[in-house]
Amino acid sequence: MRLFFTNLFSDIRGLPKPVYILVIGQFVNRFGAFVFPFLTLFLEDRDYSLGKIGGVLAAISLGNFFGPMAGGYLADAIGRRNTIIVSLVSSAISLLSLYFCENYILLIVMSTVYGFANFIFGPPTSALITDLVPADKRITAFAMLRLAINAGFAAGPMVAGLLFLYSPILIFMGDAATTMAFAALAYFSLPHGLRTIKGRVSSPKIILRSWLDAFFNAIRNKLYAQFLLACLLMGIAFNQIFTLLALTTKRFEISPSVYGVIMGFNGVLIILIEVPFTHWLKQFAHRKILALGYALIGLGCVAFGLSKTQLDFFFSMGLLTLGEIIALPIGMAYSSNLAPEAMRGRYFGLRGMTWALSGLIGSIGVWCYGIMGSNWWYLSGLIGIAGAVYILIDKEKT
């Protein structure tokens, strides 16, 4: 046991300085990510129907889908750092604007812009970590990044719940301020990272050709294509906790502050066990570990469908979180090892687009829940389990 933790801390100490900058920045940013967990409640308080709330979530998810496309290209074209800053500044401004949108059409437009800007961030971040960290330490690096995200997320919803009850505008202002703080940190502290696209990178011909090259390369990469489809199925299930759980807890008369604690419980578990647990898991075959994680996420959704009391919801969140701890950092490292150096940004763009597509599809959960009730939780759980089965297929022999 002592040797295990000695090796773990050695890996952590050996990570490059920019990884620590990303970890600090993500903690600050995610601590202040006040809006999204309470967005459905905010819109419901403004008397929007479930259908219109679903429309706003779908608009964000639509922007999320195209954001990684831009982020992946820009990461390879203008550098990782510059793309990160573009994402953070534009997402802070567009998020704050949502509070002031009283016209529904304008709300849809700005929600799309926000979703687009926010999801530019992922590809350059993953590409920069992959540029700097050796393959055998990437699981630890991505787990540390998620530790920062979830350390912030553990406390953030609890604070957001109190701010929301006092005045909803405070969650928008706090969210935007912490995002801008991360942008300033990135500007002064991060390296540019690789730039692999040559020529006039603003040329539409170069943009189209570079994306087509990366897309067809990824399709020919059987293991990467398999990962993307399995991730899509798992993501449909996983994203229900962000779009549907608030409404489900409200149905059983659980207060917004308690809902915030339930969401925070997810982060607490990740903080306590993800880094050492994933360090231990990296000795096993990655696809088998991914299958286990995806299956647990699916079972967590089924458990949410059965939940009625606070204790039930905490148990269900624990089950789903265990799947997340197993699957997400391993998946990030596994996919980074499959990405060719010259196309890393665009490969991670495809991964981000897949995750966003799962959110877009999953956003219909609000509408489905209105019709199907708890049965939608069961169905989404089965979709996640299907992803677990698919990732186990040996594509190297097909």
Protein backbone atom coordinates (compact mmCIF):
# COMPACT_ATOMS: atom_id res chain seq x y z
CA MET A 1 0.00 0.00 0.00
CA ARG A 2 2.83 2.39 0.86
CA LEU A 3 4.53 1.65 -2.46
CA PHE A 4 1.25 2.27 -4.28
CA PHE A 5 0.85 5.78 -2.84
CA THR A 6 4.56 6.51 -3.31
CA ASN A 7 4.19 5.75 -7.03
CA LEU A 8 0.97 7.76 -7.23
CA PHE A 9 2.51 10.87 -5.65
CA SER A 10 5.58 10.44 -7.84
CA ASP A 11 3.34 10.54 -10.93
CA ILE A 12 1.54 13.63 -9.64
CA ARG A 13 4.76 15.48 -8.79
CA GLY A 14 6.14 14.64 -12.23
CA LEU A 15 3.29 16.35 -14.11
CA PRO A 16 4.33 19.47 -16.08
CA LYS A 17 3.56 22.93 -14.62
CA PRO A 18 0.86 23.77 -17.24
CA VAL A 19 -1.17 20.79 -16.02
CA TYR A 20 -1.24 22.36 -12.55
CA ILE A 21 -2.34 25.67 -14.10
CA LEU A 22 -5.22 23.89 -15.80
CA VAL A 23 -6.09 22.13 -12.54
CA ILE A 24 -6.19 25.41 -10.59
CA GLY A 25 -8.14 27.18 -13.33
CA GLN A 26 -10.67 24.40 -13.62
CA PHE A 27 -11.22 24.41 -9.88
CA VAL A 28 -11.97 28.14 -9.88
CA ASN A 29 -14.17 27.86 -12.96
CA ARG A 30 -16.16 24.85 -11.78
CA PHE A 31 -16.63 26.18 -8.28
CA GLY A 32 -18.40 29.08 -9.95
CA ALA A 33 -20.37 26.94 -12.41
CA PHE A 34 -23.55 27.96 -10.64
CA VAL A 35 -26.01 28.24 -13.50
CA PHE A 36 -26.35 24.91 -15.26
CA PRO A 37 -27.47 22.76 -12.28
CA PHE A 38 -30.23 25.32 -11.56
CA LEU A 39 -31.11 26.35 -15.09
CA THR A 40 -34.25 24.22 -15.33
CA LEU A 41 -35.50 25.60 -12.01
CA PHE A 42 -34.68 29.18 -13.08
CA LEU A 43 -36.63 28.77 -16.31
CA GLU A 44 -39.53 27.07 -14.55
CA ASP A 45 -39.72 30.01 -12.12
CA ARG A 46 -40.07 32.25 -15.19
CA ASP A 47 -43.15 30.22 -16.12
CA TYR A 48 -41.68 28.41 -19.11
CA SER A 49 -43.35 25.09 -19.90
CA LEU A 50 -41.44 21.81 -19.87
CA GLY A 51 -41.47 21.89 -23.66
CA LYS A 52 -39.87 25.35 -23.77
CA ILE A 53 -37.33 24.40 -21.10
CA GLY A 54 -36.45 21.40 -23.24
CA GLY A 55 -36.03 23.79 -26.18
CA VAL A 56 -33.49 25.88 -24.24
CA LEU A 57 -31.55 22.78 -23.20
CA ALA A 58 -31.62 21.53 -26.79
CA ALA A 59 -30.31 24.91 -28.00
CA ILE A 60 -27.39 24.71 -25.56
CA SER A 61 -26.72 21.16 -26.69
CA LEU A 62 -26.85 22.23 -30.34
CA GLY A 63 -24.19 24.84 -29.61
CA ASN A 64 -22.27 22.21 -27.64
CA PHE A 65 -22.22 20.05 -30.76
CA PHE A 66 -20.61 22.65 -33.02
CA GLY A 67 -18.32 24.15 -30.36
CA PRO A 68 -15.85 21.22 -30.36
CA MET A 69 -15.67 21.41 -34.14
CA ALA A 70 -14.37 24.98 -33.84
CA GLY A 71 -12.30 24.16 -30.76
CA GLY A 72 -10.63 21.16 -32.39
CA TYR A 73 -9.69 23.11 -35.49
CA LEU A 74 -8.51 26.21 -33.64
CA ALA A 75 -6.43 24.09 -31.24
CA ASP A 76 -4.45 22.72 -34.19
CA ALA A 77 -4.46 26.04 -36.09
CA ILE A 78 -3.79 28.87 -33.60
CA GLY A 79 -2.54 26.93 -30.58
CA ARG A 80 -4.06 25.40 -27.47
CA ARG A 81 -3.74 28.43 -25.17
CA ASN A 82 -5.31 30.95 -27.55
CA THR A 83 -8.27 28.66 -28.16
CA ILE A 84 -8.82 28.13 -24.42
CA ILE A 85 -8.93 31.90 -23.87
CA VAL A 86 -11.37 32.45 -26.75
CA SER A 87 -13.68 29.85 -25.24
CA LEU A 88 -13.58 31.19 -21.68
CA VAL A 89 -14.14 34.85 -22.53
CA SER A 90 -16.94 34.25 -25.02
CA SER A 91 -18.74 31.74 -22.77
CA ALA A 92 -18.65 34.14 -19.78
CA ILE A 93 -20.23 36.96 -21.79
CA SER A 94 -22.89 34.79 -23.43
CA LEU A 95 -23.80 33.07 -20.15
CA LEU A 96 -24.43 36.36 -18.38
CA SER A 97 -26.67 37.47 -21.23
CA LEU A 98 -29.05 34.56 -20.59
CA TYR A 99 -30.38 36.19 -17.44
CA PHE A 100 -31.50 39.26 -19.37
CA CYS A 101 -33.22 37.38 -22.22
CA GLU A 102 -36.94 37.86 -21.66
CA ASN A 103 -37.88 37.06 -25.27
CA TYR A 104 -37.96 33.29 -25.84
CA ILE A 105 -36.48 33.42 -29.35
CA LEU A 106 -33.58 35.56 -28.11
CA LEU A 107 -33.12 33.13 -25.21
CA ILE A 108 -32.84 30.25 -27.70
CA VAL A 109 -30.29 32.16 -29.81
CA MET A 110 -28.09 33.12 -26.85
CA SER A 111 -28.36 29.64 -25.37
CA THR A 112 -26.97 28.28 -28.63
CA VAL A 113 -24.14 30.83 -28.57
CA TYR A 114 -23.33 29.95 -24.97
CA GLY A 115 -23.32 26.22 -25.70
CA PHE A 116 -21.03 26.81 -28.70
CA ALA A 117 -18.55 28.97 -26.78
CA ASN A 118 -18.47 26.72 -23.73
CA PHE A 119 -17.63 23.58 -25.70
CA ILE A 120 -14.78 25.15 -27.63
CA PHE A 121 -12.79 24.60 -24.43
CA GLY A 122 -12.50 20.80 -24.31
CA PRO A 123 -10.40 19.93 -27.39
CA PRO A 124 -7.53 22.39 -26.77
CA THR A 125 -7.37 21.38 -23.10
CA SER A 126 -7.13 17.66 -23.87
CA ALA A 127 -4.69 18.35 -26.70
CA LEU A 128 -2.41 20.43 -24.46
CA ILE A 129 -2.33 17.72 -21.78
CA THR A 130 -1.60 15.08 -24.43
CA ASP A 131 1.17 17.28 -25.88
CA LEU A 132 2.90 17.60 -22.53
CA VAL A 133 2.24 14.36 -20.60
CA PRO A 134 3.73 10.93 -21.47
CA ALA A 135 1.19 8.20 -22.30
CA ASP A 136 1.80 6.24 -19.09
CA LYS A 137 0.91 9.28 -16.93
CA ARG A 138 -2.11 10.57 -18.86
CA ILE A 139 -4.68 8.75 -16.73
CA THR A 140 -3.27 10.49 -13.66
CA ALA A 141 -3.20 13.87 -15.46
CA PHE A 142 -6.81 13.60 -16.60
CA ALA A 143 -7.88 12.33 -13.17
CA MET A 144 -6.20 15.37 -11.57
CA LEU A 145 -8.06 17.65 -13.98
CA ARG A 146 -11.33 15.97 -13.07
CA LEU A 147 -10.40 16.21 -9.40
CA ALA A 148 -10.21 19.99 -9.78
CA ILE A 149 -13.46 20.10 -11.73
CA ASN A 150 -15.29 18.07 -9.14
CA ALA A 151 -13.71 19.74 -6.13
CA GLY A 152 -15.21 22.95 -7.46
CA PHE A 153 -18.44 21.22 -8.40
CA ALA A 154 -18.79 19.66 -4.93
CA ALA A 155 -18.95 23.05 -3.23
CA GLY A 156 -20.36 25.11 -6.09
CA PRO A 157 -23.95 23.76 -6.19
CA MET A 158 -24.26 24.10 -2.43
CA VAL A 159 -23.31 27.78 -2.66
CA ALA A 160 -25.41 28.19 -5.80
CA GLY A 161 -28.46 26.81 -4.03
CA LEU A 162 -28.21 29.51 -1.39
CA LEU A 163 -27.53 32.24 -3.97
CA PHE A 164 -30.44 31.05 -6.09
CA LEU A 165 -32.84 31.32 -3.18
CA TYR A 166 -31.56 34.84 -2.38
CA SER A 167 -31.46 36.22 -5.92
CA PRO A 168 -31.11 34.24 -9.20
CA ILE A 169 -28.96 36.92 -10.88
CA LEU A 170 -26.16 36.13 -8.42
CA ILE A 171 -25.58 32.68 -9.90
CA PHE A 172 -25.14 34.23 -13.38
CA MET A 173 -22.77 36.95 -12.16
CA GLY A 174 -20.67 34.55 -10.08
CA ASP A 175 -20.43 32.03 -12.92
CA ALA A 176 -19.25 34.65 -15.42
CA ALA A 177 -16.71 36.15 -12.98
CA THR A 178 -14.98 32.85 -12.22
CA THR A 179 -14.81 31.99 -15.92
CA MET A 180 -13.09 35.32 -16.67
CA ALA A 181 -10.66 34.68 -13.81
CA PHE A 182 -9.63 31.40 -15.45
CA ALA A 183 -9.17 33.21 -18.79
CA ALA A 184 -6.73 35.64 -17.16
CA LEU A 185 -4.79 32.77 -15.55
CA ALA A 186 -4.57 30.95 -18.89
CA TYR A 187 -3.32 34.06 -20.70
CA PHE A 188 -0.41 34.61 -18.35
CA SER A 189 0.54 31.01 -17.52
CA LEU A 190 -0.16 28.49 -20.30
CA PRO A 191 2.11 27.65 -23.28
CA HIS A 192 0.74 27.87 -26.81
CA GLY A 193 1.04 24.12 -27.42
CA LEU A 194 1.43 22.50 -30.85
CA ARG A 195 0.17 24.11 -34.05
CA THR A 196 -0.09 21.45 -36.72
CA ILE A 197 -2.18 23.07 -39.48
CA LYS A 198 -0.07 24.97 -41.99
CA GLY A 199 -0.97 27.79 -44.37
CA ARG A 200 -3.62 30.50 -44.02
CA VAL A 201 -5.65 28.90 -41.27
CA SER A 202 -8.62 31.26 -41.79
CA SER A 203 -9.08 29.94 -45.35
CA PRO A 204 -12.39 28.02 -45.73
CA LYS A 205 -10.63 25.54 -48.04
CA ILE A 206 -7.99 24.73 -45.42
CA ILE A 207 -10.63 24.48 -42.68
CA LEU A 208 -12.75 22.08 -44.74
CA ARG A 209 -9.83 19.97 -45.96
CA SER A 210 -8.26 19.65 -42.52
CA TRP A 211 -11.54 18.57 -40.94
CA LEU A 212 -12.30 16.06 -43.68
CA ASP A 213 -8.81 14.59 -43.35
CA ALA A 214 -9.27 14.19 -39.59
CA PHE A 215 -12.81 12.81 -39.89
CA PHE A 216 -11.95 10.07 -42.38
CA ASN A 217 -8.77 9.23 -40.47
CA ALA A 218 -10.85 8.73 -37.31
CA ILE A 219 -13.41 6.57 -39.14
CA ARG A 220 -10.60 4.32 -40.38
CA ASN A 221 -9.29 4.11 -36.81
CA LYS A 222 -11.59 1.26 -35.72
CA LEU A 223 -10.86 1.51 -32.01
CA TYR A 224 -11.44 5.25 -31.95
CA ALA A 225 -14.69 4.97 -33.92
CA GLN A 226 -15.87 2.25 -31.52
CA PHE A 227 -15.04 4.46 -28.55
CA LEU A 228 -17.04 7.36 -30.00
CA LEU A 229 -20.21 5.30 -30.47
CA ALA A 230 -19.97 3.67 -27.05
CA CYS A 231 -19.35 7.10 -25.50
CA LEU A 232 -22.43 8.45 -27.27
CA LEU A 233 -24.66 5.77 -25.74
CA MET A 234 -23.19 6.21 -22.27
CA GLY A 235 -23.43 10.00 -22.55
CA ILE A 236 -27.17 9.90 -23.28
CA ALA A 237 -27.66 8.17 -19.93
CA PHE A 238 -25.12 10.24 -18.00
CA ASN A 239 -26.45 13.63 -19.13
CA GLN A 240 -29.84 12.97 -17.54
CA ILE A 241 -28.48 14.01 -14.14
CA PHE A 242 -27.89 17.53 -15.50
CA THR A 243 -31.16 17.97 -17.38
CA LEU A 244 -33.66 15.85 -15.48
CA LEU A 245 -32.58 15.24 -11.91
CA ALA A 246 -33.64 18.69 -10.68
CA LEU A 247 -37.19 18.10 -11.93
CA THR A 248 -37.27 14.57 -10.51
CA THR A 249 -36.23 15.69 -7.03
CA LYS A 250 -38.74 18.54 -7.13
CA ARG A 251 -41.48 16.01 -7.96
CA PHE A 252 -40.76 14.34 -4.61
CA GLU A 253 -40.70 17.69 -2.75
CA ILE A 254 -36.94 17.79 -2.25
CA SER A 255 -35.80 21.43 -1.85
CA PRO A 256 -33.31 23.16 -4.21
CA SER A 257 -30.73 23.32 -1.41
CA VAL A 258 -30.94 19.54 -0.80
CA TYR A 259 -30.78 18.95 -4.56
CA GLY A 260 -27.58 21.00 -4.56
CA VAL A 261 -26.15 18.75 -1.84
CA ILE A 262 -27.07 15.64 -3.85
CA MET A 263 -25.23 17.07 -6.86
CA GLY A 264 -22.34 18.05 -4.62
CA PHE A 265 -22.17 14.47 -3.29
CA ASN A 266 -21.05 13.42 -6.76
CA GLY A 267 -18.04 15.71 -6.52
CA VAL A 268 -17.18 14.67 -2.97
CA LEU A 269 -16.94 11.01 -3.96
CA ILE A 270 -14.76 11.86 -6.94
CA ILE A 271 -12.46 13.98 -4.78
CA LEU A 272 -12.02 11.19 -2.25
CA ILE A 273 -11.38 8.20 -4.48
CA GLU A 274 -10.95 8.96 -8.20
CA VAL A 275 -7.20 9.72 -8.37
CA PRO A 276 -5.97 6.69 -6.36
CA PHE A 277 -8.65 4.40 -7.80
CA THR A 278 -7.83 5.22 -11.43
CA HIS A 279 -4.11 4.91 -10.68
CA TRP A 280 -4.86 1.33 -9.60
CA LEU A 281 -7.20 0.66 -12.55
CA LYS A 282 -4.64 1.61 -15.22
CA GLN A 283 -3.05 -1.85 -14.89
CA PHE A 284 -6.18 -3.44 -16.45
CA ALA A 285 -7.36 -3.55 -20.06
CA HIS A 286 -8.91 -0.17 -20.78
CA ARG A 287 -11.93 -1.35 -22.77
CA LYS A 288 -13.02 -3.76 -20.03
CA ILE A 289 -12.75 -0.99 -17.45
CA LEU A 290 -14.75 1.34 -19.70
CA ALA A 291 -17.48 -1.32 -20.04
CA LEU A 292 -17.76 -1.64 -16.26
CA GLY A 293 -18.00 2.13 -15.84
CA TYR A 294 -20.61 2.54 -18.57
CA ALA A 295 -22.73 -0.28 -17.08
CA LEU A 296 -22.68 1.34 -13.64
CA ILE A 297 -23.76 4.69 -15.13
CA GLY A 298 -26.69 2.92 -16.78
CA LEU A 299 -27.64 1.19 -13.53
CA GLY A 300 -27.42 4.54 -11.74
CA CYS A 301 -30.07 5.94 -14.09
CA VAL A 302 -32.32 2.96 -13.40
CA ALA A 303 -31.85 3.60 -9.66
CA PHE A 304 -32.87 7.26 -10.10
CA GLY A 305 -36.09 6.03 -11.68
CA LEU A 306 -36.78 4.01 -8.54
CA SER A 307 -35.84 6.81 -6.11
CA LYS A 308 -38.42 8.53 -3.92
CA THR A 309 -36.62 9.66 -0.75
CA GLN A 310 -33.48 11.71 -0.11
CA LEU A 311 -31.61 8.54 0.86
CA ASP A 312 -32.67 6.88 -2.41
CA PHE A 313 -31.31 9.79 -4.43
CA PHE A 314 -27.99 9.77 -2.56
CA PHE A 315 -27.63 6.02 -3.19
CA SER A 316 -28.42 6.43 -6.89
CA MET A 317 -25.95 9.29 -7.22
CA GLY A 318 -23.30 7.13 -5.55
CA LEU A 319 -23.88 4.29 -8.00
CA LEU A 320 -23.73 6.55 -11.04
CA THR A 321 -20.69 8.38 -9.65
CA LEU A 322 -18.78 5.12 -9.25
CA GLY A 323 -19.38 4.47 -12.95
CA GLU A 324 -18.23 7.99 -13.78
CA ILE A 325 -15.06 7.58 -11.70
CA ILE A 326 -14.21 4.38 -13.55
CA ALA A 327 -15.16 5.41 -17.07
CA LEU A 328 -14.45 9.08 -17.69
CA PRO A 329 -10.73 9.55 -16.86
CA ILE A 330 -9.86 6.15 -18.37
CA GLY A 331 -11.84 7.11 -21.49
CA MET A 332 -10.02 10.44 -21.80
CA ALA A 333 -6.62 8.77 -21.58
CA TYR A 334 -7.62 5.84 -23.82
CA SER A 335 -8.86 8.13 -26.58
CA SER A 336 -5.82 10.44 -26.27
CA ASN A 337 -3.52 7.48 -26.85
CA LEU A 338 -5.41 6.69 -30.08
CA ALA A 339 -5.15 10.25 -31.47
CA PRO A 340 -2.30 10.98 -33.96
CA GLU A 341 -0.16 13.96 -32.97
CA ALA A 342 -0.90 15.96 -36.13
CA MET A 343 -4.67 15.71 -35.57
CA ARG A 344 -5.03 15.78 -31.80
CA GLY A 345 -7.17 18.89 -31.61
CA ARG A 346 -9.58 17.66 -34.28
CA TYR A 347 -9.71 14.12 -32.82
CA PHE A 348 -10.67 15.62 -29.47
CA GLY A 349 -13.10 17.84 -31.35
CA LEU A 350 -14.81 14.68 -32.62
CA ARG A 351 -14.88 13.34 -29.06
CA GLY A 352 -16.39 16.60 -27.84
CA MET A 353 -18.98 16.57 -30.63
CA THR A 354 -19.93 13.02 -29.66
CA TRP A 355 -20.37 14.04 -26.03
CA ALA A 356 -22.39 17.07 -27.10
CA LEU A 357 -24.56 14.93 -29.37
CA SER A 358 -25.33 12.71 -26.39
CA GLY A 359 -26.41 15.83 -24.52
CA LEU A 360 -28.54 16.97 -27.46
CA ILE A 361 -30.27 13.61 -27.67
CA GLY A 362 -30.47 13.41 -23.89
CA SER A 363 -32.14 16.83 -23.69
CA ILE A 364 -35.36 15.25 -24.96
CA GLY A 365 -35.39 13.55 -21.56
CA VAL A 366 -37.29 16.56 -20.15
CA TRP A 367 -40.03 16.02 -22.74
CA CYS A 368 -39.94 12.21 -22.38
CA TYR A 369 -40.11 12.48 -18.60
CA GLY A 370 -43.22 14.60 -18.92
CA ILE A 371 -44.84 11.76 -20.89
CA MET A 372 -43.20 8.61 -19.52
CA GLY A 373 -42.35 9.58 -15.96
CA SER A 374 -39.81 7.29 -14.31
CA ASN A 375 -39.87 4.93 -17.31
CA TRP A 376 -37.58 7.38 -19.12
CA TRP A 377 -34.95 6.88 -16.41
CA TYR A 378 -35.16 3.12 -17.02
CA LEU A 379 -34.86 3.50 -20.79
CA SER A 380 -31.91 5.89 -20.58
CA GLY A 381 -30.20 3.43 -18.22
CA LEU A 382 -30.58 0.64 -20.78
CA ILE A 383 -29.02 2.90 -23.42
CA GLY A 384 -25.98 3.37 -21.17
CA ILE A 385 -25.70 -0.39 -20.65
CA ALA A 386 -25.79 -0.86 -24.45
CA GLY A 387 -22.68 1.34 -24.63
CA ALA A 388 -20.98 -0.99 -22.14
CA VAL A 389 -21.74 -4.01 -24.31
CA TYR A 390 -20.54 -2.30 -27.51
CA ILE A 391 -17.15 -1.19 -26.14
CA LEU A 392 -16.34 -4.84 -25.37
CA ILE A 393 -16.51 -5.92 -29.02
CA ASP A 394 -13.02 -6.71 -30.32
CA LYS A 395 -12.77 -4.33 -33.28
CA GLU A 396 -9.18 -5.33 -33.99
CA LYS A 397 -10.47 -8.71 -35.20
CA THR A 398 -13.36 -7.33 -37.32
